[in-house]
Protein backbone atom coordinates (compact mmCIF):
# COMPACT_ATOMS: atom_id res chain seq x y z
CA MET A 1 0.00 0.00 0.00
CA VAL A 2 1.24 3.42 -0.92
CA ALA A 3 0.63 6.22 1.52
CA GLN A 4 -0.88 9.35 -0.02
CA PHE A 5 -0.36 12.66 1.64
CA PRO A 6 -2.69 15.60 1.15
CA ILE A 7 -1.40 17.92 -1.50
CA VAL A 8 -1.10 21.44 -0.20
CA PRO A 9 -1.00 24.01 -2.95
CA THR A 10 1.94 26.34 -2.65
CA VAL A 11 1.12 30.04 -2.62
CA PRO A 12 3.86 32.47 -3.42
CA ILE A 13 4.54 34.82 -0.54
CA VAL A 14 3.86 38.41 -1.56
CA PRO A 15 5.24 41.12 0.66
CA THR A 16 2.47 43.22 2.09
CA VAL A 17 2.36 46.82 1.00
CA PRO A 18 0.72 49.26 3.35
CA ILE A 19 -2.28 50.94 1.80
CA VAL A 20 -1.89 54.69 1.93
CA PRO A 21 -5.15 56.57 1.76
CA THR A 22 -5.04 59.21 -0.92
CA LYS A 23 -6.76 62.53 -0.85
CA LYS A 24 -10.05 62.92 -2.58
CA SER A 25 -9.07 63.31 -6.22
CA THR A 26 -11.77 65.80 -7.11
CA PRO A 27 -10.94 69.38 -6.17
CA GLY A 28 -13.58 71.41 -4.38
CA ILE A 29 -14.02 74.89 -5.82
CA ASN A 30 -16.45 77.40 -4.34
CA THR A 31 -16.70 80.98 -5.58
CA THR A 32 -18.99 83.75 -4.43
CA VAL A 33 -19.21 87.08 -6.22
CA SER A 34 -21.34 89.96 -5.01
CA THR A 35 -21.35 93.20 -6.98
CA PHE A 36 -22.77 96.50 -5.83
CA LEU A 37 -22.76 100.20 -6.67
CA ALA A 38 -20.86 102.31 -4.14
CA LEU A 39 -20.91 106.07 -3.97
CA ASN A 40 -17.86 107.63 -5.55
CA SER A 41 -16.74 110.50 -3.33
CA ILE A 42 -15.14 112.36 -6.23
CA SER A 43 -18.66 113.22 -7.38
CA VAL A 44 -20.21 113.95 -3.97
CA ASN A 45 -20.33 117.74 -4.49
CA ASN A 46 -21.52 117.48 -8.07
CA PRO A 47 -25.22 117.76 -8.89
CA ASN A 48 -25.11 114.22 -10.32
CA PRO A 49 -23.17 112.11 -7.84
CA GLY A 50 -21.63 109.05 -9.43
CA SER A 51 -21.20 105.54 -8.28
CA THR A 52 -18.56 102.93 -8.85
CA LYS A 53 -19.21 99.25 -9.49
CA THR A 54 -17.48 97.34 -6.73
CA CYS A 55 -17.47 93.71 -5.65
CA ASN A 56 -16.81 91.30 -2.83
CA ILE A 57 -15.28 87.96 -3.79
CA THR A 58 -14.69 84.72 -1.91
CA ILE A 59 -12.79 81.84 -3.52
CA ASN A 60 -12.18 78.54 -1.71
CA VAL A 61 -10.29 75.69 -3.38
CA ILE A 62 -9.39 72.38 -1.72
CA ASN A 63 -7.82 69.12 -2.90
CA LEU A 64 -6.32 70.67 -6.01
CA ALA A 65 -3.30 68.80 -7.35
CA ARG A 66 -0.23 71.00 -7.14
CA ASP A 67 0.66 70.41 -10.80
CA ASN A 68 -2.73 71.75 -11.88
CA ALA A 69 -2.95 74.63 -9.42
CA ILE A 70 -1.47 77.50 -11.40
CA ASP A 71 -3.57 76.89 -14.52
CA ALA A 72 -6.68 76.24 -12.43
CA PHE A 73 -6.28 79.48 -10.48
CA GLY A 74 -6.00 81.39 -13.75
CA ARG A 75 -9.25 79.83 -15.00
CA ILE A 76 -10.99 80.46 -11.67
CA PHE A 77 -9.96 84.13 -11.70
CA THR A 78 -11.22 84.50 -15.27
CA TYR A 79 -14.54 82.92 -14.27
CA VAL A 80 -14.87 85.28 -11.29
CA GLN A 81 -14.17 88.30 -13.52
CA VAL A 82 -16.88 87.22 -15.95
CA LEU A 83 -19.34 86.84 -13.07
CA ALA A 84 -18.44 90.22 -11.59
CA ASN A 85 -18.78 92.00 -14.93
CA SER A 86 -22.06 90.34 -15.91
CA ASP A 87 -24.33 92.51 -13.73
CA LEU A 88 -25.66 89.50 -11.87
CA ASN A 89 -26.63 91.45 -8.79
CA PRO A 90 -25.66 95.12 -8.79
CA ALA A 91 -27.38 96.94 -5.96
CA PRO A 92 -26.69 100.08 -3.97
CA ALA A 93 -24.54 99.24 -0.98
CA ASN A 94 -25.67 100.88 2.22
CA GLN A 95 -22.90 99.18 4.16
CA SER A 96 -20.18 100.58 1.91
CA THR A 97 -18.61 103.78 3.15
CA ILE A 98 -16.13 106.08 1.51
CA LEU A 99 -12.63 105.58 2.84
CA PRO A 100 -11.35 109.06 3.81
CA ASN A 101 -7.62 108.25 3.69
CA ASP A 102 -7.75 106.77 0.23
CA PRO A 103 -5.75 108.98 -2.16
CA GLY A 104 -7.81 109.84 -5.21
CA ASN A 105 -10.89 108.42 -3.50
CA ILE A 106 -10.30 105.00 -5.01
CA PHE A 107 -11.70 102.27 -2.84
CA SER A 108 -9.02 100.24 -1.12
CA PRO A 109 -9.63 96.53 -1.48
CA LEU A 110 -9.30 94.49 1.67
CA GLY A 111 -7.90 91.05 0.94
CA ILE A 112 -7.05 87.90 2.83
CA CYS A 113 -5.13 85.22 0.96
CA ASN A 114 -4.25 81.93 2.63
CA ILE A 115 -2.56 79.22 0.63
CA SER A 116 -1.16 75.94 1.90
CA LEU A 117 0.58 73.08 0.20
CA ASP A 118 0.22 69.57 1.58
CA SER A 119 3.27 67.63 0.42
CA ALA A 120 2.71 64.75 2.84
CA GLU A 121 0.21 63.05 0.54
CA VAL A 122 1.01 60.84 -2.42
CA VAL A 123 -0.22 63.65 -4.66
CA ALA A 124 0.70 67.05 -3.26
CA THR A 125 -2.40 69.19 -2.96
CA VAL A 126 -3.03 72.89 -2.65
CA ARG A 127 -5.65 74.68 -0.58
CA LEU A 128 -6.58 78.32 -1.28
CA ASN A 129 -8.78 80.68 0.67
CA LEU A 130 -9.06 84.10 -0.94
CA GLN A 131 -11.40 86.83 0.26
CA ILE A 132 -11.51 90.27 -1.30
CA SER A 133 -13.91 93.02 -0.39
CA ASN A 134 -14.40 96.53 -1.70
CA LEU A 135 -12.61 95.90 -5.01
CA ARG A 136 -13.39 98.22 -7.90
CA LEU A 137 -14.09 96.22 -11.02
CA ASP A 138 -11.89 98.44 -13.17
CA TYR A 139 -8.90 97.34 -11.04
CA MET A 140 -9.76 93.65 -11.01
CA ASP A 141 -7.40 92.69 -13.87
CA GLU A 142 -4.42 94.26 -12.11
CA TYR A 143 -5.39 92.89 -8.69
CA PHE A 144 -5.88 89.35 -10.00
CA ALA A 145 -2.63 89.46 -11.99
CA THR A 146 -0.70 90.45 -8.85
CA THR A 147 -2.46 87.81 -6.75
CA LEU A 148 -1.92 85.08 -9.35
CA ASN A 149 1.78 85.98 -9.53
CA TYR A 150 2.01 85.66 -5.74
CA LEU A 151 0.21 82.30 -5.76
CA THR A 152 2.45 80.99 -8.54
CA LEU A 153 5.60 81.88 -6.61
CA ALA A 154 4.18 80.39 -3.43
CA ILE A 155 3.38 77.08 -5.13
CA VAL A 156 6.67 76.85 -7.06
CA ASN A 157 8.83 77.74 -4.05
CA ASP A 158 6.97 75.62 -1.47
CA LEU A 159 6.68 78.51 0.95
CA ASN A 160 4.89 76.33 3.48
CA PRO A 161 5.55 72.66 2.78
CA ASP A 162 4.87 71.59 6.36
CA THR A 163 1.31 72.87 6.41
C-alpha cells in the first residue's frame, strides 16, 4: 500500500504593501461674487453724484493637485471676472462707506489670501482661501494678476511645505 499525503498548494509569498489613503481626487471649488454700486466720493459735491461698481469675492479651493494649481487658479480668476462683470446682482450698498484716507478716493480693497501646500500626501495638494472686499471692477485685472503671480511663486517655491 502506498501512503498518499494531502497535497497542499503552494502560494507564493507576496510582501504586504501598506495601503496609503489618498486625498479625494476631485478638487472642491467654491466661488462667491457679489457686486454692488458704491458712492464715488469724487462726485459727492456734483449735482449728479456718481457711483462705482465694486465687488466682494470669496474663492475657496481644496484638494487641487499641485501640478494643476497655477492653470486652475488662472481659469478660476477668469470665471470670477466674468461673473463680476455680468451685472448679476448690482445693488446700492448701504454698508459701503467712503474711505477718507484713500488717495484719489479710489476704494481700497481688503484682501485675505491663505494658501497651503500639503506635500505629505502621495499627490501634493493645494488649498486656497481668498477673500476680497471693496474691489473696484476696473482694477480687477491688475489685482488678479498680482495675486496670481504671488500664488504661482508660493506654489513653485513651497513657501509652506509643512502645512
